[in-house]
């Protein structure tokens, strides 16, 4: 019986010493590790929240930049269309100007050709008319009168 009693006392003393050691050294270490884990978890939670907020901000920024890019694309397409129309108008005006210039040159060439032809043909026509008139009018006075009237008409035209 004493054996059992001392066994229980020894067991109680060992259990008490273990409990005291646990409270003195083990519990505080475990408690500080749990507090550190809790603090780390809180910090990770805060970082996660900040990253989510930053991700949301970046998403909003991307959407805004895409809208701006789309607006710029529309403006570029509009400006390109306007530039193409202006270029087409300019090319058409150039073609019209070239056509006007070509017609003007043709008219000038025709006038110049007519003037040269007139200068070459005029003496021949006058000589031929004089011959025909000499044959037609035997009277020199009638011939001179007709010739003067004819020359006046030719020079006034």
N, C-alpha and C. Protein backbone atom coordinates (compact mmCIF):
# COMPACT_ATOMS: atom_id res chain seq x y z
N UNK A 1 0.77 -1.16 0.00
CA UNK A 1 0.00 0.00 0.00
C UNK A 1 0.85 1.26 0.00
N UNK A 2 1.91 1.17 0.80
CA UNK A 2 2.82 2.30 0.74
C UNK A 2 3.41 2.44 -0.65
N UNK A 3 3.59 1.34 -1.26
CA UNK A 3 4.16 1.38 -2.61
C UNK A 3 3.22 2.11 -3.57
N UNK A 4 2.01 1.83 -3.42
CA UNK A 4 1.04 2.46 -4.30
C UNK A 4 0.95 3.95 -3.96
N UNK A 5 0.98 4.19 -2.66
CA UNK A 5 0.91 5.59 -2.25
C UNK A 5 2.11 6.37 -2.78
N UNK A 6 3.32 5.82 -2.59
CA UNK A 6 4.51 6.53 -3.08
C UNK A 6 4.55 6.56 -4.61
N UNK A 7 4.00 5.57 -5.24
CA UNK A 7 3.94 5.57 -6.70
C UNK A 7 3.02 6.70 -7.17
N UNK A 8 1.91 6.87 -6.44
CA UNK A 8 1.00 7.96 -6.79
C UNK A 8 1.62 9.31 -6.47
N UNK A 9 2.34 9.40 -5.36
CA UNK A 9 2.99 10.65 -5.01
C UNK A 9 4.07 10.95 -6.05
N UNK A 10 4.87 9.94 -6.36
CA UNK A 10 5.91 10.16 -7.38
C UNK A 10 5.28 10.57 -8.72
N UNK A 11 4.19 9.87 -9.04
CA UNK A 11 3.52 10.21 -10.30
C UNK A 11 2.98 11.63 -10.26
N UNK A 12 2.42 12.05 -9.13
CA UNK A 12 1.89 13.39 -8.97
C UNK A 12 3.00 14.41 -9.04
N UNK A 13 4.15 14.12 -8.41
CA UNK A 13 5.27 15.05 -8.43
C UNK A 13 5.79 15.18 -9.87
N UNK A 14 5.95 14.07 -10.55
CA UNK A 14 6.44 14.11 -11.94
C UNK A 14 5.42 14.84 -12.81
N UNK A 15 4.13 14.56 -12.60
CA UNK A 15 3.11 15.23 -13.38
C UNK A 15 3.10 16.72 -13.06
N UNK A 16 3.27 17.07 -11.79
CA UNK A 16 3.31 18.48 -11.40
C UNK A 16 4.50 19.18 -12.00
N UNK A 17 5.68 18.50 -11.94
CA UNK A 17 6.88 19.10 -12.55
C UNK A 17 6.70 19.28 -14.07
N UNK A 18 6.11 18.28 -14.70
CA UNK A 18 5.86 18.41 -16.14
C UNK A 18 4.88 19.56 -16.42
N UNK A 19 3.83 19.66 -15.59
CA UNK A 19 2.87 20.73 -15.76
C UNK A 19 3.53 22.07 -15.54
N UNK A 20 4.35 22.18 -14.48
CA UNK A 20 5.07 23.43 -14.19
C UNK A 20 6.02 23.76 -15.34
N UNK A 21 6.77 22.78 -15.83
CA UNK A 21 7.68 23.01 -16.97
C UNK A 21 6.93 23.43 -18.22
N UNK A 22 5.80 22.77 -18.40
CA UNK A 22 4.96 23.12 -19.55
C UNK A 22 4.46 24.55 -19.44
N UNK A 23 3.97 24.95 -18.27
CA UNK A 23 3.48 26.31 -18.09
C UNK A 23 4.62 27.31 -18.17
N UNK A 24 5.75 26.96 -17.61
CA UNK A 24 6.87 27.91 -17.54
C UNK A 24 7.56 28.06 -18.90
N UNK A 25 7.83 26.96 -19.59
CA UNK A 25 8.63 27.03 -20.81
C UNK A 25 7.84 26.67 -22.07
N UNK A 26 7.15 25.60 -22.08
CA UNK A 26 6.47 25.11 -23.28
C UNK A 26 5.28 25.94 -23.68
N UNK A 27 4.44 26.29 -22.72
CA UNK A 27 3.23 27.04 -23.01
C UNK A 27 3.56 28.40 -23.60
N UNK A 28 4.53 29.11 -23.00
CA UNK A 28 4.87 30.45 -23.50
C UNK A 28 5.46 30.36 -24.91
N UNK A 29 6.26 29.30 -25.17
CA UNK A 29 6.82 29.15 -26.52
C UNK A 29 5.72 28.86 -27.53
N UNK A 30 4.82 27.95 -27.17
CA UNK A 30 3.71 27.62 -28.07
C UNK A 30 2.80 28.83 -28.23
N UNK A 31 2.54 29.52 -27.11
CA UNK A 31 1.69 30.71 -27.17
C UNK A 31 2.32 31.79 -28.06
N UNK A 32 3.63 32.02 -27.91
CA UNK A 32 4.29 33.04 -28.75
C UNK A 32 4.30 32.61 -30.21
N UNK A 33 4.47 31.30 -30.49
CA UNK A 33 4.41 30.82 -31.88
C UNK A 33 3.01 31.02 -32.45
N UNK A 34 1.99 30.77 -31.65
CA UNK A 34 0.63 30.96 -32.12
C UNK A 34 0.34 32.44 -32.38
N UNK A 35 0.85 33.31 -31.50
CA UNK A 35 0.66 34.75 -31.71
C UNK A 35 1.40 35.20 -32.97
N UNK A 36 2.62 34.65 -33.16
CA UNK A 36 3.40 35.00 -34.36
C UNK A 36 2.67 34.51 -35.61
N UNK A 37 2.16 33.30 -35.58
CA UNK A 37 1.39 32.75 -36.71
C UNK A 37 0.16 33.60 -36.98
N UNK A 38 -0.52 34.02 -35.91
CA UNK A 38 -1.71 34.85 -36.05
C UNK A 38 -1.34 36.21 -36.66
N UNK A 39 -0.22 36.79 -36.19
CA UNK A 39 0.22 38.07 -36.74
C UNK A 39 0.61 37.91 -38.21
N UNK A 40 1.33 36.81 -38.52
CA UNK A 40 1.71 36.56 -39.92
C UNK A 40 0.47 36.37 -40.79
N UNK A 41 -0.50 35.65 -40.27
CA UNK A 41 -1.75 35.45 -40.99
C UNK A 41 -2.47 36.78 -41.22
N UNK A 42 -2.48 37.63 -40.21
CA UNK A 42 -3.11 38.95 -40.34
C UNK A 42 -2.38 39.78 -41.40
N UNK A 43 -1.03 39.75 -41.37
CA UNK A 43 -0.23 40.50 -42.36
C UNK A 43 -0.52 39.97 -43.77
N UNK A 44 -0.56 38.63 -43.92
CA UNK A 44 -0.87 38.05 -45.23
C UNK A 44 -2.26 38.43 -45.69
N UNK A 45 -3.20 38.47 -44.77
CA UNK A 45 -4.56 38.87 -45.12
C UNK A 45 -4.58 40.33 -45.61
N UNK A 46 -3.87 41.21 -44.92
CA UNK A 46 -3.79 42.62 -45.32
C UNK A 46 -3.13 42.75 -46.70
N UNK A 47 -2.03 42.01 -46.90
CA UNK A 47 -1.36 42.05 -48.21
C UNK A 47 -2.27 41.54 -49.31
N UNK A 48 -3.01 40.48 -49.02
CA UNK A 48 -3.95 39.93 -50.00
C UNK A 48 -5.02 40.96 -50.35
N UNK A 49 -5.53 41.64 -49.33
CA UNK A 49 -6.54 42.68 -49.56
C UNK A 49 -5.97 43.81 -50.41
N UNK A 50 -4.72 44.24 -50.08
CA UNK A 50 -4.08 45.31 -50.86
C UNK A 50 -3.86 44.87 -52.30
N UNK A 51 -3.40 43.62 -52.50
CA UNK A 51 -3.18 43.12 -53.85
C UNK A 51 -4.48 43.03 -54.64
N UNK A 52 -5.55 42.62 -53.98
CA UNK A 52 -6.85 42.58 -54.66
C UNK A 52 -7.29 43.98 -55.08
N UNK A 53 -7.08 44.95 -54.19
CA UNK A 53 -7.44 46.33 -54.51
C UNK A 53 -6.58 46.85 -55.66
N UNK A 54 -5.28 46.53 -55.62
CA UNK A 54 -4.37 46.95 -56.70
C UNK A 54 -4.75 46.28 -58.01
N UNK A 55 -5.14 45.02 -57.95
CA UNK A 55 -5.59 44.29 -59.14
C UNK A 55 -6.84 44.94 -59.73
N UNK A 56 -7.77 45.33 -58.85
CA UNK A 56 -8.99 46.00 -59.30
C UNK A 56 -8.64 47.35 -59.94
N UNK A 57 -7.71 48.08 -59.34
CA UNK A 57 -7.28 49.37 -59.90
C UNK A 57 -6.64 49.16 -61.27
N UNK A 58 -5.80 48.12 -61.38
CA UNK A 58 -5.17 47.83 -62.67
C UNK A 58 -6.21 47.43 -63.72
N UNK A 59 -7.20 46.64 -63.32
CA UNK A 59 -8.26 46.28 -64.25
C UNK A 59 -9.02 47.51 -64.75
N UNK A 60 -9.32 48.42 -63.83
CA UNK A 60 -10.00 49.67 -64.21
C UNK A 60 -9.12 50.49 -65.15
N UNK A 61 -7.83 50.52 -64.86
CA UNK A 61 -6.89 51.26 -65.71
C UNK A 61 -6.82 50.63 -67.10
N UNK A 62 -6.81 49.30 -67.15
CA UNK A 62 -6.78 48.61 -68.45
C UNK A 62 -8.04 48.92 -69.24
N UNK A 63 -9.18 48.89 -68.59
CA UNK A 63 -10.45 49.20 -69.27
C UNK A 63 -10.42 50.63 -69.80
N UNK A 64 -9.94 51.57 -68.98
CA UNK A 64 -9.86 52.98 -69.41
C UNK A 64 -8.90 53.12 -70.58
N UNK A 65 -7.76 52.44 -70.52
CA UNK A 65 -6.79 52.53 -71.61
C UNK A 65 -7.33 51.89 -72.89
N UNK A 66 -8.08 50.80 -72.75
CA UNK A 66 -8.69 50.19 -73.92
C UNK A 66 -9.72 51.12 -74.55
N UNK A 67 -10.49 51.80 -73.71
CA UNK A 67 -11.48 52.76 -74.23
C UNK A 67 -10.76 53.90 -74.95
N UNK A 68 -9.68 54.38 -74.35
CA UNK A 68 -8.90 55.45 -74.98
C UNK A 68 -8.28 54.96 -76.30
N UNK A 69 -7.79 53.74 -76.31
CA UNK A 69 -7.22 53.16 -77.52
C UNK A 69 -8.27 53.03 -78.61
N UNK A 70 -9.47 52.59 -78.23
CA UNK A 70 -10.56 52.48 -79.20
C UNK A 70 -10.93 53.85 -79.75
N UNK A 71 -10.98 54.85 -78.88
CA UNK A 71 -11.29 56.22 -79.33
C UNK A 71 -10.22 56.71 -80.29
N UNK A 72 -8.95 56.45 -79.96
CA UNK A 72 -7.87 56.86 -80.85
C UNK A 72 -7.94 56.11 -82.18
N UNK A 73 -8.29 54.84 -82.14
CA UNK A 73 -8.43 54.07 -83.38
C UNK A 73 -9.52 54.66 -84.27
N UNK A 74 -10.62 55.05 -83.65
CA UNK A 74 -11.71 55.67 -84.42
C UNK A 74 -11.22 56.98 -85.04
N UNK A 75 -10.48 57.78 -84.24
CA UNK A 75 -9.95 59.04 -84.76
C UNK A 75 -8.98 58.80 -85.91
N UNK A 76 -8.11 57.79 -85.76
CA UNK A 76 -7.14 57.49 -86.82
C UNK A 76 -7.86 57.06 -88.09
N UNK A 77 -8.89 56.23 -87.94
CA UNK A 77 -9.65 55.79 -89.11
C UNK A 77 -10.33 56.99 -89.76
N UNK A 78 -10.89 57.89 -88.95
CA UNK A 78 -11.53 59.09 -89.48
C UNK A 78 -10.52 59.97 -90.20
N UNK A 79 -9.37 60.20 -89.54
CA UNK A 79 -8.34 61.03 -90.17
C UNK A 79 -7.82 60.39 -91.46
N UNK A 80 -7.67 59.08 -91.46
CA UNK A 80 -7.21 58.38 -92.66
C UNK A 80 -8.22 58.56 -93.78
N UNK A 81 -9.50 58.42 -93.45
CA UNK A 81 -10.55 58.59 -94.44
C UNK A 81 -10.54 60.01 -95.02
N UNK A 82 -10.39 60.99 -94.13
CA UNK A 82 -10.34 62.39 -94.57
C UNK A 82 -9.12 62.61 -95.46
N UNK A 83 -7.98 62.06 -95.06
CA UNK A 83 -6.75 62.22 -95.85
C UNK A 83 -6.89 61.56 -97.22
N UNK A 84 -7.51 60.38 -97.26
CA UNK A 84 -7.71 59.70 -98.54
C UNK A 84 -8.65 60.50 -99.44
N UNK A 85 -9.71 61.07 -98.85
CA UNK A 85 -10.63 61.89 -99.64
C UNK A 85 -9.92 63.13 -100.16
N UNK A 86 -9.10 63.75 -99.30
CA UNK A 86 -8.36 64.94 -99.72
C UNK A 86 -7.38 64.59 -100.84
N UNK A 87 -6.73 63.45 -100.70
CA UNK A 87 -5.78 63.02 -101.73
C UNK A 87 -6.51 62.72 -103.03
N UNK A 88 -7.68 62.08 -102.95
CA UNK A 88 -8.46 61.79 -104.15
C UNK A 88 -8.92 63.09 -104.80
N UNK A 89 -9.37 64.04 -103.98
CA UNK A 89 -9.79 65.34 -104.51
C UNK A 89 -8.62 66.05 -105.17
N UNK A 90 -7.47 66.01 -104.52
CA UNK A 90 -6.28 66.65 -105.07
C UNK A 90 -5.90 66.00 -106.40
N UNK A 91 -5.94 64.67 -106.46
CA UNK A 91 -5.59 63.96 -107.70
C UNK A 91 -6.59 64.32 -108.80
N UNK A 92 -7.87 64.40 -108.43
CA UNK A 92 -8.90 64.76 -109.41
C UNK A 92 -8.69 66.19 -109.92
N UNK A 93 -8.37 67.11 -109.00
CA UNK A 93 -8.11 68.49 -109.40
C UNK A 93 -6.88 68.56 -110.31
N UNK A 94 -5.84 67.79 -109.96
CA UNK A 94 -4.64 67.76 -110.80
C UNK A 94 -4.98 67.26 -112.20
N UNK A 95 -5.80 66.21 -112.26
CA UNK A 95 -6.18 65.66 -113.56
C UNK A 95 -6.99 66.68 -114.35
N UNK A 96 -7.91 67.37 -113.67
CA UNK A 96 -8.70 68.40 -114.35
C UNK A 96 -7.80 69.53 -114.86
N UNK A 97 -6.84 69.94 -114.01
CA UNK A 97 -5.92 71.01 -114.42
C UNK A 97 -5.09 70.57 -115.63
N UNK A 98 -4.64 69.32 -115.62
CA UNK A 98 -3.86 68.82 -116.75
C UNK A 98 -4.71 68.77 -118.01
N UNK A 99 -5.97 68.38 -117.86
CA UNK A 99 -6.87 68.34 -119.01
C UNK A 99 -7.11 69.76 -119.55
N UNK A 100 -7.32 70.71 -118.65
CA UNK A 100 -7.50 72.11 -119.07
C UNK A 100 -6.24 72.61 -119.76
N UNK A 101 -5.08 72.29 -119.19
CA UNK A 101 -3.81 72.72 -119.77
C UNK A 101 -3.61 72.08 -121.15
N UNK A 102 -3.96 70.79 -121.27
CA UNK A 102 -3.82 70.12 -122.56
C UNK A 102 -4.74 70.75 -123.61
N UNK A 103 -5.99 71.03 -123.22
CA UNK A 103 -6.92 71.67 -124.16
C UNK A 103 -6.43 73.05 -124.57
N UNK A 104 -5.91 73.78 -123.57
CA UNK A 104 -5.39 75.13 -123.85
C UNK A 104 -4.22 75.04 -124.85
N UNK A 105 -3.32 74.08 -124.62
CA UNK A 105 -2.20 73.90 -125.54
C UNK A 105 -2.69 73.52 -126.93
N UNK A 106 -3.70 72.64 -127.00
CA UNK A 106 -4.25 72.26 -128.30
C UNK A 106 -4.87 73.47 -129.00
N UNK A 107 -5.61 74.29 -128.24
CA UNK A 107 -6.21 75.49 -128.83
C UNK A 107 -5.13 76.44 -129.34
N UNK A 108 -4.09 76.64 -128.52
CA UNK A 108 -3.00 77.52 -128.94
C UNK A 108 -2.29 76.96 -130.17
N UNK A 109 -2.07 75.65 -130.18
CA UNK A 109 -1.41 75.03 -131.34
C UNK A 109 -2.28 75.19 -132.58
N UNK A 110 -3.60 75.01 -132.41
CA UNK A 110 -4.52 75.16 -133.55
C UNK A 110 -4.52 76.61 -134.05
N UNK A 111 -4.53 77.56 -133.11
CA UNK A 111 -4.48 78.98 -133.52
C UNK A 111 -3.17 79.28 -134.23
N UNK A 112 -2.08 78.76 -133.68
CA UNK A 112 -0.77 79.00 -134.29
C UNK A 112 -0.70 78.36 -135.68
N UNK A 113 -1.23 77.12 -135.79
CA UNK A 113 -1.25 76.44 -137.08
C UNK A 113 -2.12 77.21 -138.07
N UNK A 114 -3.27 77.70 -137.60
CA UNK A 114 -4.16 78.48 -138.47
C UNK A 114 -3.47 79.77 -138.92
N UNK A 115 -2.76 80.42 -137.99
CA UNK A 115 -2.07 81.67 -138.34
C UNK A 115 -0.97 81.40 -139.36
N UNK A 116 -0.21 80.33 -139.16
CA UNK A 116 0.85 79.98 -140.12
C UNK A 116 0.25 79.63 -141.48
N UNK A 117 -0.82 78.85 -141.45
CA UNK A 117 -1.48 78.47 -142.69
C UNK A 117 -2.03 79.70 -143.40
N UNK A 118 -2.62 80.61 -142.61
CA UNK A 118 -3.15 81.84 -143.18
C UNK A 118 -2.02 82.65 -143.84
N UNK A 119 -0.87 82.73 -143.15
CA UNK A 119 0.26 83.49 -143.72
C UNK A 119 0.79 82.84 -144.99
N UNK A 120 0.79 81.50 -145.04
CA UNK A 120 1.29 80.81 -146.23
C UNK A 120 0.28 80.84 -147.36
N UNK A 121 -1.00 80.69 -147.02
CA UNK A 121 -2.03 80.59 -148.04
C UNK A 121 -2.43 81.96 -148.58
N UNK A 122 -2.36 82.98 -147.77
CA UNK A 122 -2.83 84.32 -148.16
C UNK A 122 -2.17 84.79 -149.46
N UNK A 123 -0.84 84.75 -149.60
CA UNK A 123 -0.25 85.21 -150.87
C UNK A 123 -0.67 84.35 -152.06
N UNK A 124 -0.82 83.03 -151.82
CA UNK A 124 -1.24 82.15 -152.92
C UNK A 124 -2.66 82.46 -153.35
N UNK A 125 -3.54 82.68 -152.35
CA UNK A 125 -4.94 83.00 -152.66
C UNK A 125 -5.02 84.33 -153.40
N UNK A 126 -4.25 85.29 -152.94
CA UNK A 126 -4.27 86.61 -153.59
C UNK A 126 -3.79 86.50 -155.04
N UNK A 127 -2.72 85.74 -155.24
CA UNK A 127 -2.20 85.57 -156.60
C UNK A 127 -3.22 84.86 -157.48
N UNK A 128 -3.86 83.82 -156.93
CA UNK A 128 -4.86 83.08 -157.70
C UNK A 128 -6.07 83.95 -158.00
N UNK A 129 -6.51 84.72 -157.01
CA UNK A 129 -7.65 85.61 -157.22
C UNK A 129 -7.31 86.66 -158.27
N UNK A 130 -6.07 87.18 -158.21
CA UNK A 130 -5.67 88.18 -159.20
C UNK A 130 -5.71 87.60 -160.61
N UNK A 131 -5.26 86.36 -160.75
CA UNK A 131 -5.29 85.72 -162.08
C UNK A 131 -6.72 85.55 -162.56
N UNK A 132 -7.58 85.03 -161.64
CA UNK A 132 -8.97 84.81 -162.03
C UNK A 132 -9.67 86.13 -162.33
N UNK A 133 -9.35 87.14 -161.54
CA UNK A 133 -9.98 88.44 -161.77
C UNK A 133 -9.50 89.06 -163.08
N UNK A 134 -8.23 88.86 -163.38
CA UNK A 134 -7.73 89.40 -164.65
C UNK A 134 -8.46 88.75 -165.81
N UNK A 135 -8.70 87.47 -165.69
CA UNK A 135 -9.44 86.79 -166.74
C UNK A 135 -10.90 87.24 -166.74
N UNK A 136 -11.46 87.39 -165.52
CA UNK A 136 -12.86 87.73 -165.42
C UNK A 136 -13.11 89.19 -165.79
N UNK A 137 -12.27 90.06 -165.23
CA UNK A 137 -12.43 91.48 -165.53
C UNK A 137 -11.36 91.89 -166.53
N UNK A 138 -11.75 92.19 -167.66
CA UNK A 138 -10.80 92.69 -168.64
C UNK A 138 -10.51 94.16 -168.38
N UNK A 139 -11.43 94.79 -167.77
CA UNK A 139 -11.26 96.21 -167.48
C UNK A 139 -10.39 96.33 -166.22
N UNK A 140 -9.25 97.02 -166.28
CA UNK A 140 -8.36 97.13 -165.14
C UNK A 140 -8.98 97.93 -163.99
N UNK A 141 -9.82 98.90 -164.26
CA UNK A 141 -10.43 99.71 -163.19
C UNK A 141 -11.41 98.88 -162.36
N UNK A 142 -12.23 98.07 -162.96
CA UNK A 142 -13.18 97.21 -162.23
C UNK A 142 -12.41 96.18 -161.41
N UNK A 143 -11.32 95.70 -162.01
CA UNK A 143 -10.50 94.73 -161.30
C UNK A 143 -9.90 95.34 -160.04
N UNK A 144 -9.37 96.55 -160.13
CA UNK A 144 -8.77 97.21 -158.97
C UNK A 144 -9.82 97.48 -157.88
N UNK A 145 -10.98 97.91 -158.25
CA UNK A 145 -12.04 98.19 -157.29
C UNK A 145 -12.46 96.92 -156.55
N UNK A 146 -12.65 95.83 -157.28
CA UNK A 146 -13.04 94.56 -156.67
C UNK A 146 -11.93 94.03 -155.76
N UNK A 147 -10.70 94.14 -156.22
CA UNK A 147 -9.56 93.67 -155.45
C UNK A 147 -9.42 94.44 -154.14
N UNK A 148 -9.59 95.74 -154.18
CA UNK A 148 -9.49 96.54 -152.95
C UNK A 148 -10.58 96.17 -151.94
N UNK A 149 -11.81 95.97 -152.41
CA UNK A 149 -12.89 95.56 -151.52
C UNK A 149 -12.60 94.18 -150.90
N UNK A 150 -12.12 93.29 -151.71
CA UNK A 150 -11.80 91.94 -151.24
C UNK A 150 -10.67 91.96 -150.21
N UNK A 151 -9.65 92.76 -150.44
CA UNK A 151 -8.53 92.87 -149.50
C UNK A 151 -8.98 93.48 -148.18
N UNK A 152 -9.87 94.48 -148.25
CA UNK A 152 -10.38 95.07 -147.03
C UNK A 152 -11.16 94.04 -146.20
N UNK A 153 -11.95 93.22 -146.84
CA UNK A 153 -12.70 92.18 -146.14
C UNK A 153 -11.76 91.14 -145.52
N UNK A 154 -10.75 90.77 -146.26
CA UNK A 154 -9.80 89.77 -145.75
C UNK A 154 -8.99 90.30 -144.57
N UNK A 155 -8.59 91.55 -144.64
CA UNK A 155 -7.77 92.10 -143.57
C UNK A 155 -8.58 92.41 -142.32
N UNK A 156 -9.87 92.66 -142.45
CA UNK A 156 -10.70 92.96 -141.28
C UNK A 156 -11.16 91.70 -140.57
N UNK A 157 -11.12 90.59 -141.19
CA UNK A 157 -11.55 89.34 -140.54
C UNK A 157 -10.41 88.87 -139.72
